[in-house]
Structures are given as C-alpha cells and as structure tokens.
Amino acid sequence: MIEVNSIDAIPVESETLTLMANYMAERLFTKRQRRSLTVFINVTRESVREPVTRPMLGPQKAVLGTRAPTNFKMTVSTITGLRNAGEVIAHELLHISQVVNGRLFITKKTKEINGIKKKVDLVRWMGGKPIVMDELAWHKRPWEIEACGWQGQLVTEFLMLTTGQSV
C-alpha cells in the first residue's frame, strides 16, 4: 500500500504523485509484495527531502530471526516541480525494491576500525562481499547508480502514458 499525504501541497500535486507512485510500484513489485509493503509519502511545498533511511532498509526483527523490511516513510518536495518530486519517489522506491528483492542487503555491525570498535553499516550488493558502506563514495555505489539510472525512466514512462503516448 502506498499512501501519499499532503502536508501543504496543492491537491492536484498529491493526486498526481499518488498515481505516479502507484504506477512505479506496479513496475517494481509483485502483487504480493505490494500487498505486504506500506510506504508513506509526505508531500510538501517546503524545501525538504527526507529519504528512506538506512535503518528502514535493514532487516527487521521477526519471530524466528529477521525478515525483509515492509514499512517505509519519506518526505518529498514539489517546490522544484512534479517531475523532480516523482524522481525522488522513484529513487527511493527503487532502493526499497532492491532490498525487498534481495539485491541489496544492509546490516549494522560492530567492526574494529583503527583499533576502535564502531557500529557501521555493512552492505552487500547482488550477493557480493559485504563492505562498509561509508568507505565507498556515493557516486560509486552500484545500488545508487542503478537507482539514478532508472528514476528518470520511470517518471518518463508515467508521463508518456498520461499523455496517451506509447511507452
């Protein structure tokens, strides 16, 4: 379930972003996944962006260990336009898809760095070797490269469909 909540956005903006987010969810998740996910999207005209956080993307406690996360929250701004807000939503939904589909795995571990024990975020991409997330520059992270590459495509597809063009 995707729920879009307008904080102070114009109603047509919230309605458009709701349609856009639901279209993206249909492209990124199976029916079963869509039923089990809860994504709250707050929309504002203020210059604010609160992405899905790392803890939201990490495994959640379950009766017998852990499970993939199912609850997410983000805030997007329409101040720079609906396309930009749509791309932010797409970017975050792509990260949720990466986690839900097992391509991205983030976990918090205690690791000794330079003789000091620290809590760090370990990340594993596509079943590869776990690495400390903050040791890899943002623009070199493959999950960010993928999300940035697809966010515009998803928004373009939606806009083309809404104007009667074939995708």
Protein backbone atom coordinates (compact mmCIF):
# COMPACT_ATOMS: atom_id res chain seq x y z
CA MET A 1 0.00 0.00 0.00
CA ILE A 2 1.28 3.40 -0.93
CA GLU A 3 -0.21 6.33 0.92
CA VAL A 4 0.51 9.89 -0.14
CA ASN A 5 -0.16 12.53 2.50
CA SER A 6 -0.22 16.20 1.54
CA ILE A 7 1.30 18.40 4.22
CA ASP A 8 0.78 21.65 2.31
CA ALA A 9 0.92 20.63 -1.36
CA ILE A 10 -1.68 21.62 -3.92
CA PRO A 11 -4.27 18.80 -4.16
CA VAL A 12 -3.56 18.09 -7.84
CA GLU A 13 0.14 17.60 -6.98
CA SER A 14 -0.67 14.98 -4.35
CA GLU A 15 -3.11 13.25 -6.68
CA THR A 16 -0.57 13.15 -9.49
CA LEU A 17 2.17 11.86 -7.20
CA THR A 18 -0.21 9.18 -5.87
CA LEU A 19 -0.88 7.96 -9.41
CA MET A 20 2.82 8.14 -10.25
CA ALA A 21 3.90 6.23 -7.12
CA ASN A 22 1.30 3.52 -7.72
CA TYR A 23 2.44 3.15 -11.34
CA MET A 24 6.05 2.79 -10.17
CA ALA A 25 5.04 0.26 -7.52
CA GLU A 26 3.34 -1.86 -10.17
CA ARG A 27 6.54 -1.80 -12.23
CA LEU A 28 8.87 -2.60 -9.31
CA PHE A 29 6.97 -5.05 -7.09
CA THR A 30 4.88 -8.18 -7.48
CA LYS A 31 1.25 -8.10 -6.39
CA ARG A 32 2.13 -10.00 -3.22
CA GLN A 33 4.95 -7.57 -2.42
CA ARG A 34 2.66 -4.58 -2.96
CA ARG A 35 0.13 -6.04 -0.52
CA SER A 36 2.78 -6.54 2.18
CA LEU A 37 4.53 -3.16 1.80
CA THR A 38 3.49 0.06 3.48
CA VAL A 39 5.04 3.20 2.01
CA PHE A 40 4.05 6.58 3.45
CA ILE A 41 4.97 9.56 1.27
CA ASN A 42 4.57 13.03 2.75
CA VAL A 43 4.39 15.80 0.15
CA THR A 44 5.26 19.40 0.93
CA ARG A 45 5.93 22.63 -0.90
CA GLU A 46 8.77 23.37 1.55
CA SER A 47 12.36 22.73 0.50
CA VAL A 48 12.62 19.42 2.36
CA ARG A 49 13.74 15.94 1.39
CA GLU A 50 13.68 13.07 3.84
CA PRO A 51 14.66 9.88 2.05
CA VAL A 52 14.04 6.33 3.17
CA THR A 53 16.66 5.79 5.87
CA ARG A 54 19.25 3.05 6.16
CA PRO A 55 17.56 1.54 9.25
CA MET A 56 14.30 1.31 7.28
CA LEU A 57 16.13 -0.66 4.58
CA GLY A 58 17.78 -3.07 7.01
CA PRO A 59 16.36 -6.41 8.15
CA GLN A 60 13.52 -6.24 10.66
CA LYS A 61 13.15 -8.41 13.75
CA ALA A 62 10.77 -11.32 13.33
CA VAL A 63 9.65 -14.26 15.46
CA LEU A 64 12.33 -16.56 14.06
CA GLY A 65 15.18 -14.14 13.35
CA THR A 66 14.81 -11.36 10.80
CA ARG A 67 12.80 -10.60 7.67
CA ALA A 68 12.92 -8.11 4.84
CA PRO A 69 11.56 -4.70 5.82
CA THR A 70 7.99 -3.77 4.92
CA ASN A 71 7.39 -0.26 6.35
CA PHE A 72 8.88 2.85 4.81
CA LYS A 73 8.41 6.60 5.09
CA MET A 74 9.73 9.51 3.05
CA THR A 75 9.07 13.21 2.50
CA VAL A 76 9.34 14.87 -0.91
CA SER A 77 9.03 18.46 -2.01
CA THR A 78 7.17 19.80 -5.03
CA ILE A 79 8.96 23.15 -4.86
CA THR A 80 11.20 22.22 -7.84
CA GLY A 81 8.36 20.62 -9.79
CA LEU A 82 6.39 17.40 -10.03
CA ARG A 83 8.94 15.67 -12.25
CA ASN A 84 11.65 16.20 -9.64
CA ALA A 85 9.36 15.01 -6.83
CA GLY A 86 8.47 11.97 -8.94
CA GLU A 87 12.13 11.18 -9.50
CA VAL A 88 12.78 11.34 -5.75
CA ILE A 89 9.90 8.93 -5.14
CA ALA A 90 11.16 6.64 -7.91
CA HIS A 91 14.70 6.70 -6.50
CA GLU A 92 13.51 5.67 -3.04
CA LEU A 93 11.09 3.03 -4.38
CA LEU A 94 13.99 1.58 -6.36
CA HIS A 95 16.00 1.20 -3.14
CA ILE A 96 13.00 -0.47 -1.49
CA SER A 97 12.76 -2.82 -4.48
CA GLN A 98 16.48 -3.60 -4.27
CA VAL A 99 16.07 -4.63 -0.62
CA VAL A 100 12.76 -6.47 -0.97
CA ASN A 101 14.05 -8.44 -3.96
CA GLY A 102 17.32 -9.35 -2.20
CA ARG A 103 19.73 -7.45 -4.44
CA LEU A 104 20.72 -5.02 -1.67
CA PHE A 105 21.30 -6.10 1.91
CA ILE A 106 22.18 -3.58 4.62
CA THR A 107 23.01 -4.53 8.17
CA LYS A 108 24.56 -2.80 11.16
CA LYS A 109 27.64 -4.46 12.68
CA THR A 110 30.30 -3.60 15.20
CA LYS A 111 33.66 -3.51 13.47
CA GLU A 112 37.13 -2.58 14.66
CA ILE A 113 38.50 0.32 12.65
CA ASN A 114 41.97 1.63 13.51
CA GLY A 115 41.78 -0.13 16.88
CA ILE A 116 38.41 1.43 17.78
CA LYS A 117 35.15 -0.52 17.81
CA LYS A 118 32.46 1.28 15.84
CA LYS A 119 28.94 0.49 14.63
CA VAL A 120 28.99 0.56 10.85
CA ASP A 121 26.56 -0.16 8.04
CA LEU A 122 27.69 -3.19 6.07
CA VAL A 123 26.21 -3.55 2.62
CA ARG A 124 26.13 -6.45 0.21
CA TRP A 125 25.14 -5.82 -3.40
CA MET A 126 23.92 -8.69 -5.58
CA GLY A 127 25.27 -11.33 -3.18
CA GLY A 128 28.80 -9.94 -3.30
CA LYS A 129 31.25 -9.44 -0.48
CA PRO A 130 30.00 -7.20 2.38
CA ILE A 131 31.67 -3.80 2.51
CA VAL A 132 31.45 -0.84 4.89
CA MET A 133 29.00 1.47 3.12
CA ASP A 134 30.69 4.73 4.09
CA GLU A 135 34.02 3.55 2.65
CA LEU A 136 32.53 3.69 -0.86
CA ALA A 137 31.78 7.12 -2.35
CA TRP A 138 28.07 7.71 -3.01
CA HIS A 139 28.52 8.04 -6.78
CA LYS A 140 30.40 4.69 -6.91
CA ARG A 141 27.76 2.67 -5.08
CA PRO A 142 26.15 0.31 -7.62
CA TRP A 143 22.72 0.49 -5.95
CA GLU A 144 22.80 4.30 -6.26
CA ILE A 145 23.96 4.08 -9.88
CA GLU A 146 21.03 1.76 -10.62
CA ALA A 147 18.50 3.96 -8.81
CA CYS A 148 19.75 7.12 -10.53
CA GLY A 149 19.67 5.37 -13.89
CA TRP A 150 16.07 4.21 -13.57
CA GLN A 151 14.38 7.08 -11.70
CA GLY A 152 14.05 9.29 -14.78
CA GLN A 153 12.93 6.36 -16.93
CA LEU A 154 10.04 5.53 -14.59
CA VAL A 155 8.85 9.14 -14.48
CA THR A 156 9.11 9.46 -18.26
CA GLU A 157 7.09 6.25 -18.75
CA PHE A 158 4.37 7.55 -16.44
CA LEU A 159 4.22 10.94 -18.13
CA MET A 160 4.09 9.35 -21.58
CA LEU A 161 1.20 7.11 -20.54
CA THR A 162 -0.73 10.03 -19.06
CA THR A 163 -0.42 11.95 -22.32
CA GLY A 164 -1.53 8.99 -24.45
CA GLN A 165 1.89 8.16 -25.87
CA SER A 166 3.09 4.59 -26.12
CA VAL A 167 5.93 3.55 -23.86
